[in-house]
N, C-alpha and C. Protein backbone atom coordinates (compact mmCIF):
# COMPACT_ATOMS: atom_id res chain seq x y z
N MET A 1 1.17 -1.70 -0.25
CA MET A 1 0.11 -0.24 -0.02
C MET A 1 0.82 0.95 -0.10
N ASN A 2 0.87 1.92 -0.91
CA ASN A 2 1.21 2.81 -0.33
C ASN A 2 1.22 4.51 -0.27
N VAL A 3 1.21 5.50 -0.14
CA VAL A 3 1.12 6.94 0.63
C VAL A 3 -0.32 7.66 0.49
N HIS A 4 -0.40 7.45 -1.05
CA HIS A 4 -0.72 7.93 -1.49
C HIS A 4 -3.10 7.38 -1.04
N GLU A 5 -2.38 5.68 -1.19
CA GLU A 5 -3.54 5.43 -0.78
C GLU A 5 -3.66 4.86 0.58
N LEU A 6 -3.27 5.02 1.00
CA LEU A 6 -3.43 5.19 2.45
C LEU A 6 -3.85 6.82 3.09
N LEU A 7 -4.10 7.73 2.38
CA LEU A 7 -4.26 9.00 2.11
C LEU A 7 -5.75 8.83 2.01
N ARG A 8 -5.68 8.45 1.10
CA ARG A 8 -7.32 8.15 0.63
C ARG A 8 -8.37 7.63 0.97
N LEU A 9 -7.98 6.37 2.13
CA LEU A 9 -7.99 5.82 3.52
C LEU A 9 -8.71 6.90 4.16
N LEU A 10 -7.97 7.63 5.21
CA LEU A 10 -7.97 7.80 5.49
C LEU A 10 -8.47 8.71 5.70
N GLN A 11 -8.83 10.07 4.66
CA GLN A 11 -9.91 10.60 4.20
C GLN A 11 -11.25 9.84 4.23
N ALA A 12 -11.39 8.72 3.52
CA ALA A 12 -12.83 8.27 3.69
C ALA A 12 -13.31 8.11 4.93
N GLU A 13 -12.53 7.50 5.72
CA GLU A 13 -13.14 7.25 7.09
C GLU A 13 -13.36 8.27 7.92
N HIS A 14 -12.46 9.46 7.68
CA HIS A 14 -12.78 10.99 8.19
C HIS A 14 -14.09 11.65 7.87
N ASP A 15 -14.06 11.37 6.15
CA ASP A 15 -16.14 11.96 5.65
C ASP A 15 -16.49 10.76 6.83
N GLU A 16 -16.79 9.41 6.84
CA GLU A 16 -17.80 9.17 7.26
C GLU A 16 -18.08 9.47 8.92
N THR A 17 -16.80 9.48 9.28
CA THR A 17 -17.20 9.87 10.57
C THR A 17 -17.96 10.91 11.15
N ALA A 18 -17.41 12.14 10.23
CA ALA A 18 -18.08 13.26 10.29
C ALA A 18 -19.51 13.36 10.39
N ALA A 19 -19.26 12.63 8.83
CA ALA A 19 -21.10 12.32 8.61
C ALA A 19 -21.76 11.64 9.51
N ARG A 20 -21.44 10.93 10.49
CA ARG A 20 -21.69 10.10 11.65
C ARG A 20 -22.06 11.00 12.62
N ALA A 21 -21.12 11.68 12.97
CA ALA A 21 -20.89 13.05 14.13
C ALA A 21 -21.52 13.59 13.84
N ASP A 22 -22.29 14.37 12.77
CA ASP A 22 -23.08 15.32 11.83
C ASP A 22 -24.15 14.20 12.34
N GLN A 23 -25.01 13.28 12.07
CA GLN A 23 -25.83 12.36 12.39
C GLN A 23 -26.43 13.19 13.79
N LEU A 24 -25.36 12.46 15.06
CA LEU A 24 -25.71 12.08 15.97
C LEU A 24 -26.06 13.61 16.50
N ARG A 25 -25.06 15.03 15.85
CA ARG A 25 -25.48 15.63 16.83
C ARG A 25 -26.52 16.77 16.31
N GLU A 26 -27.77 16.01 15.16
CA GLU A 26 -28.76 16.61 14.84
C GLU A 26 -29.50 15.57 15.72
N GLN A 27 -29.57 14.30 15.73
CA GLN A 27 -30.64 13.16 16.45
C GLN A 27 -30.48 14.17 18.05
N ILE A 28 -29.18 14.93 18.38
CA ILE A 28 -29.35 15.68 19.53
C ILE A 28 -29.86 16.46 20.21
N GLU A 29 -30.13 17.49 19.17
CA GLU A 29 -30.69 18.69 18.84
C GLU A 29 -32.44 17.75 18.71
N GLN A 30 -32.83 17.27 18.19
CA GLN A 30 -34.29 16.93 17.92
C GLN A 30 -34.68 16.08 20.21
N PHE A 31 -34.05 15.79 19.90
CA PHE A 31 -33.66 14.65 21.21
C PHE A 31 -34.17 16.31 22.20
N THR A 32 -33.15 16.79 22.18
CA THR A 32 -33.44 18.25 23.21
C THR A 32 -34.65 18.43 22.96
N THR A 33 -34.94 19.23 21.79
CA THR A 33 -36.90 19.78 21.80
C THR A 33 -37.70 18.65 22.06
N ALA A 34 -37.41 17.68 22.01
CA ALA A 34 -38.23 16.77 22.20
C ALA A 34 -38.85 16.07 24.09
N LEU A 35 -37.66 16.24 24.21
CA LEU A 35 -37.37 16.70 25.78
C LEU A 35 -37.76 17.77 26.47
N ALA A 36 -37.91 18.48 26.02
CA ALA A 36 -38.32 20.04 26.35
C ALA A 36 -39.17 20.06 26.10
N GLU A 37 -40.44 19.86 24.90
CA GLU A 37 -41.68 19.52 24.96
C GLU A 37 -42.50 18.46 25.68
N THR A 38 -41.86 17.85 26.19
CA THR A 38 -42.15 16.74 27.28
C THR A 38 -42.13 17.02 28.66
N GLU A 39 -41.29 17.39 28.72
CA GLU A 39 -41.36 18.31 30.71
C GLU A 39 -41.58 19.70 30.51
N ALA A 40 -42.28 19.94 29.14
CA ALA A 40 -43.19 21.06 29.56
C ALA A 40 -44.56 20.90 29.62
N ARG A 41 -45.36 19.54 28.96
CA ARG A 41 -46.55 18.39 29.26
C ARG A 41 -46.55 18.11 30.70
N LEU A 42 -45.44 17.27 31.16
CA LEU A 42 -45.16 16.88 32.22
C LEU A 42 -46.22 18.06 33.48
N ALA A 43 -45.08 19.31 32.95
CA ALA A 43 -45.82 20.51 34.02
C ALA A 43 -47.09 20.65 33.90
N GLU A 44 -47.34 20.96 32.68
CA GLU A 44 -48.88 21.04 32.67
C GLU A 44 -49.86 20.42 33.06
N LEU A 45 -49.63 19.32 33.14
CA LEU A 45 -50.35 17.94 34.45
C LEU A 45 -50.26 17.77 35.58
N ALA A 46 -48.84 18.30 35.31
CA ALA A 46 -48.80 18.04 37.51
C ALA A 46 -49.81 19.78 38.20
N ALA A 47 -49.88 20.34 37.32
CA ALA A 47 -50.56 21.89 37.56
C ALA A 47 -52.40 20.92 37.03
N THR A 48 -52.12 20.89 36.23
CA THR A 48 -53.22 20.88 36.05
C THR A 48 -54.27 19.28 36.99
N ARG A 49 -52.97 18.45 37.91
CA ARG A 49 -53.33 17.03 38.21
C ARG A 49 -53.80 17.72 40.16
N LYS A 50 -53.17 19.32 40.50
CA LYS A 50 -52.60 19.93 41.91
C LYS A 50 -54.33 20.87 41.66
N VAL A 51 -54.58 21.49 40.51
CA VAL A 51 -56.01 22.72 40.37
C VAL A 51 -57.36 21.25 40.47
N ILE A 52 -57.15 19.61 40.02
CA ILE A 52 -58.50 18.82 40.59
C ILE A 52 -58.46 18.84 41.33
N ASP A 53 -56.80 18.27 41.88
CA ASP A 53 -56.76 18.06 43.87
C ASP A 53 -57.82 18.78 44.34
N GLY A 54 -57.03 19.94 44.28
CA GLY A 54 -57.30 21.35 44.96
C GLY A 54 -59.63 20.89 44.89
N LEU A 55 -59.70 20.72 44.02
CA LEU A 55 -61.54 21.36 44.07
C LEU A 55 -61.93 20.10 44.35
N THR A 56 -61.39 18.86 44.72
CA THR A 56 -62.09 18.12 45.10
C THR A 56 -61.46 17.19 46.44
N THR A 57 -62.62 16.21 47.51
CA THR A 57 -61.85 16.06 48.40
C THR A 57 -61.06 14.80 48.35
N PRO A 58 -60.32 14.13 49.34
CA PRO A 58 -59.44 13.01 48.50
C PRO A 58 -60.21 11.88 48.30
N ASP A 59 -61.53 11.11 48.66
CA ASP A 59 -62.05 10.37 47.69
C ASP A 59 -62.99 11.01 46.29
N HIS A 60 -63.05 11.73 46.06
CA HIS A 60 -63.24 12.66 45.25
C HIS A 60 -64.60 13.12 44.77
N GLU A 61 -65.39 13.26 46.29
CA GLU A 61 -66.40 14.47 46.38
C GLU A 61 -66.06 15.57 46.40
N PRO A 62 -67.13 15.91 45.83
CA PRO A 62 -67.01 17.26 45.64
C PRO A 62 -67.39 17.79 47.36
N ALA A 63 -65.70 19.19 47.09
CA ALA A 63 -65.83 19.65 48.78
C ALA A 63 -67.03 20.03 49.63
N ALA A 64 -67.52 19.96 50.42
CA ALA A 64 -68.91 21.05 51.26
C ALA A 64 -68.23 22.27 51.10
N ALA A 65 -68.78 23.13 51.01
CA ALA A 65 -69.06 24.30 51.53
C ALA A 65 -68.51 24.91 52.47
N GLU A 66 -68.61 24.24 53.37
CA GLU A 66 -68.01 25.19 54.11
C GLU A 66 -66.69 25.26 54.79
N ASN A 67 -65.94 23.64 53.79
CA ASN A 67 -64.58 23.72 54.49
C ASN A 67 -64.30 23.44 53.34
N ALA A 68 -64.42 24.48 51.70
CA ALA A 68 -64.31 24.79 51.01
C ALA A 68 -63.02 26.02 50.83
N THR A 69 -62.28 25.32 50.15
CA THR A 69 -61.05 26.28 50.19
C THR A 69 -61.50 28.01 48.88
N VAL A 70 -60.94 28.47 49.45
CA VAL A 70 -61.15 29.79 48.21
C VAL A 70 -61.38 30.38 47.06
N TYR A 71 -59.99 28.91 46.79
CA TYR A 71 -60.45 28.88 44.91
C TYR A 71 -61.69 28.06 45.26
N GLN A 72 -61.63 26.84 45.80
CA GLN A 72 -62.57 26.54 46.03
C GLN A 72 -63.85 26.64 45.03
N ARG A 73 -64.15 27.55 46.34
CA ARG A 73 -64.81 29.08 46.50
C ARG A 73 -65.29 29.71 45.35
N ILE A 74 -64.49 30.41 44.50
CA ILE A 74 -64.83 30.86 43.93
C ILE A 74 -64.69 30.25 42.38
N VAL A 75 -64.64 28.59 42.34
CA VAL A 75 -64.62 28.19 41.03
C VAL A 75 -65.89 27.66 41.60
N THR A 76 -66.54 27.10 42.38
CA THR A 76 -68.28 26.94 42.14
C THR A 76 -69.00 27.94 42.11
N ALA A 77 -68.47 29.83 42.20
CA ALA A 77 -69.34 30.22 42.36
C ALA A 77 -69.57 30.71 40.76
N PHE A 78 -68.02 30.53 40.08
CA PHE A 78 -68.09 30.25 38.26
C PHE A 78 -69.23 29.59 37.95
N ASN A 79 -69.15 27.97 38.37
CA ASN A 79 -69.73 27.47 38.10
C ASN A 79 -71.17 27.30 38.26
N LYS A 80 -71.56 27.94 38.86
CA LYS A 80 -72.88 27.99 39.79
C LYS A 80 -73.40 29.20 38.93
N HIS A 81 -72.61 29.96 38.03
CA HIS A 81 -73.17 31.45 37.69
C HIS A 81 -72.37 31.09 36.41
N PRO A 82 -72.52 29.84 35.06
CA PRO A 82 -71.28 30.37 34.40
C PRO A 82 -71.53 31.22 33.01
N GLY A 83 -72.34 32.19 33.24
CA GLY A 83 -72.81 33.70 31.94
C GLY A 83 -72.19 34.40 32.72
N LYS A 84 -72.40 34.89 33.48
CA LYS A 84 -72.05 35.64 34.81
C LYS A 84 -70.98 36.25 34.59
N VAL A 85 -70.99 37.70 33.93
CA VAL A 85 -68.93 38.00 34.54
C VAL A 85 -69.07 38.59 35.81
N PHE A 86 -68.22 38.03 36.76
CA PHE A 86 -67.73 39.18 38.07
C PHE A 86 -66.51 39.96 37.92
N ARG A 87 -66.73 41.25 38.91
CA ARG A 87 -66.16 41.81 39.07
C ARG A 87 -65.62 41.35 40.54
N VAL A 88 -63.83 42.07 41.01
CA VAL A 88 -63.42 40.84 41.87
C VAL A 88 -64.64 40.63 43.75
N ARG A 89 -64.25 42.54 42.89
CA ARG A 89 -64.72 43.24 44.41
C ARG A 89 -66.61 42.69 44.65
N ASP A 90 -67.76 42.26 43.68
CA ASP A 90 -68.86 41.89 43.26
C ASP A 90 -68.49 40.26 44.14
N LEU A 91 -67.28 39.83 43.72
CA LEU A 91 -67.16 38.17 43.95
C LEU A 91 -67.04 38.24 45.55
N HIS A 92 -65.83 39.03 46.17
CA HIS A 92 -65.92 39.28 47.15
C HIS A 92 -67.33 39.10 48.14
N GLU A 93 -68.13 40.31 47.63
CA GLU A 93 -69.41 39.87 48.21
C GLU A 93 -69.95 39.16 48.39
N HIS A 94 -70.69 38.12 46.74
CA HIS A 94 -70.81 37.82 46.92
C HIS A 94 -70.68 35.99 47.98
N LEU A 95 -68.97 35.97 47.66
CA LEU A 95 -69.10 34.94 48.79
C LEU A 95 -68.97 35.11 50.13
N GLY A 96 -69.27 36.49 50.69
CA GLY A 96 -69.31 36.69 51.31
C GLY A 96 -67.58 37.16 52.39
N LEU A 97 -67.16 37.13 51.50
CA LEU A 97 -65.60 37.17 51.53
C LEU A 97 -65.11 38.88 52.17
N PRO A 98 -64.51 39.13 52.91
CA PRO A 98 -63.53 40.37 53.49
C PRO A 98 -63.37 41.43 51.60
N THR A 99 -64.20 42.85 52.04
CA THR A 99 -64.05 43.67 50.60
C THR A 99 -62.84 44.97 51.07
N ASP A 100 -62.16 44.91 52.46
CA ASP A 100 -60.92 45.78 51.58
C ASP A 100 -59.36 45.31 51.10
N GLU A 101 -59.07 46.39 51.36
CA GLU A 101 -58.19 46.33 49.34
C GLU A 101 -56.93 44.80 49.42
N PRO A 102 -56.20 45.04 50.62
CA PRO A 102 -55.13 43.90 50.69
C PRO A 102 -56.08 42.22 49.88
N SER A 103 -56.98 42.16 50.76
CA SER A 103 -57.87 40.91 50.38
C SER A 103 -58.57 40.42 48.51
N ILE A 104 -58.96 42.11 48.22
CA ILE A 104 -59.15 42.27 46.86
C ILE A 104 -58.36 41.89 46.37
N ASN A 105 -56.90 42.38 46.21
CA ASN A 105 -55.77 42.08 45.60
C ASN A 105 -55.30 40.79 45.43
N VAL A 106 -55.45 40.23 46.89
CA VAL A 106 -55.27 38.32 46.75
C VAL A 106 -55.94 37.92 45.88
N THR A 107 -57.40 38.10 45.83
CA THR A 107 -57.86 37.26 45.03
C THR A 107 -58.34 37.21 43.82
N ARG A 108 -57.53 38.88 43.50
CA ARG A 108 -57.33 39.95 41.69
C ARG A 108 -56.04 38.21 41.44
N SER A 109 -54.92 37.67 42.05
CA SER A 109 -53.95 37.51 42.08
C SER A 109 -55.23 36.07 42.01
N ARG A 110 -55.00 35.21 42.49
CA ARG A 110 -56.12 34.55 42.46
C ARG A 110 -56.73 33.67 40.91
N LEU A 111 -57.48 34.56 40.44
CA LEU A 111 -58.52 34.53 39.29
C LEU A 111 -57.67 34.58 38.56
N GLY A 112 -56.42 35.65 38.22
CA GLY A 112 -55.32 35.77 36.93
C GLY A 112 -54.89 34.21 37.01
N ARG A 113 -54.61 33.64 37.62
CA ARG A 113 -53.74 32.36 38.02
C ARG A 113 -55.35 31.38 37.07
N LEU A 114 -56.20 31.70 38.12
CA LEU A 114 -57.87 30.94 37.17
C LEU A 114 -57.54 30.85 35.86
N VAL A 115 -57.71 32.22 35.34
CA VAL A 115 -57.16 32.94 33.60
C VAL A 115 -56.46 31.88 32.97
N ARG A 116 -55.32 31.60 33.57
CA ARG A 116 -54.10 31.51 32.83
C ARG A 116 -53.93 29.63 32.93
N GLN A 117 -54.48 29.60 33.48
CA GLN A 117 -54.47 27.32 34.20
C GLN A 117 -55.76 28.05 32.64
N GLY A 118 -56.86 28.27 32.18
CA GLY A 118 -57.65 28.03 31.36
C GLY A 118 -59.68 27.77 31.87
N LEU A 119 -59.59 27.50 33.26
CA LEU A 119 -60.43 28.38 33.77
C LEU A 119 -61.58 29.24 33.67
N LEU A 120 -60.75 30.46 33.70
CA LEU A 120 -61.90 31.29 33.62
C LEU A 120 -61.68 32.45 32.26
N GLU A 121 -62.08 33.42 31.90
CA GLU A 121 -61.39 34.37 30.98
C GLU A 121 -61.94 35.43 30.85
N GLN A 122 -61.00 36.61 30.92
CA GLN A 122 -61.49 38.23 31.18
C GLN A 122 -61.81 38.81 30.06
N PRO A 123 -63.35 38.63 29.82
CA PRO A 123 -63.92 39.86 28.92
C PRO A 123 -64.11 41.03 28.94
N GLY A 124 -63.19 41.54 29.75
CA GLY A 124 -63.04 43.23 29.96
C GLY A 124 -62.43 42.77 31.21
N ARG A 125 -61.64 44.68 31.33
CA ARG A 125 -60.59 44.68 32.31
C ARG A 125 -61.26 44.38 34.11
N GLY A 126 -60.98 43.98 34.51
CA GLY A 126 -60.93 43.68 35.94
C GLY A 126 -62.64 42.70 36.00
N GLN A 127 -62.54 41.94 35.20
CA GLN A 127 -64.13 41.09 34.37
C GLN A 127 -63.56 39.73 34.90
N TYR A 128 -64.17 39.14 35.00
CA TYR A 128 -64.41 37.17 35.22
C TYR A 128 -65.13 36.86 35.06
N GLN A 129 -64.65 35.56 34.24
CA GLN A 129 -66.29 35.06 33.29
C GLN A 129 -65.59 33.59 33.64
N LYS A 130 -66.54 32.27 33.21
CA LYS A 130 -66.72 31.38 33.40
C LYS A 130 -66.10 30.59 31.90
N ARG A 131 -65.12 30.33 31.67
CA ARG A 131 -64.10 29.93 29.99
C ARG A 131 -65.53 28.85 29.39
N THR A 132 -66.16 29.61 28.49
CA THR A 132 -67.34 28.40 27.77
C THR A 132 -66.70 27.07 26.94
């Protein structure tokens, strides 16, 4: 075997190895994207489970109104009045909650979370209703 033949074989193996490395890099990129999408879906499912668990008792019976969390009471109010648009202060009065500004702000934050989770929608500024 002469030097030219050896160099040709070496170049051929180099080209094959470089092509294989490119394929592996592409697979890594695809797997990284798929992993990110799967982890995002897992986070969505965990959040959904947390919301559903918060709305039900351990035996999956609807929670009694007197034992319900504020989130449960809010969701129940919207479920009982699916077409009604609530302002935060009106919702507080409807639920018998305090109407001081700090309490109202906490409820605004809760309603914002419920909007982001897709349970409620905002037809106007400061207005909330059940998503249809």
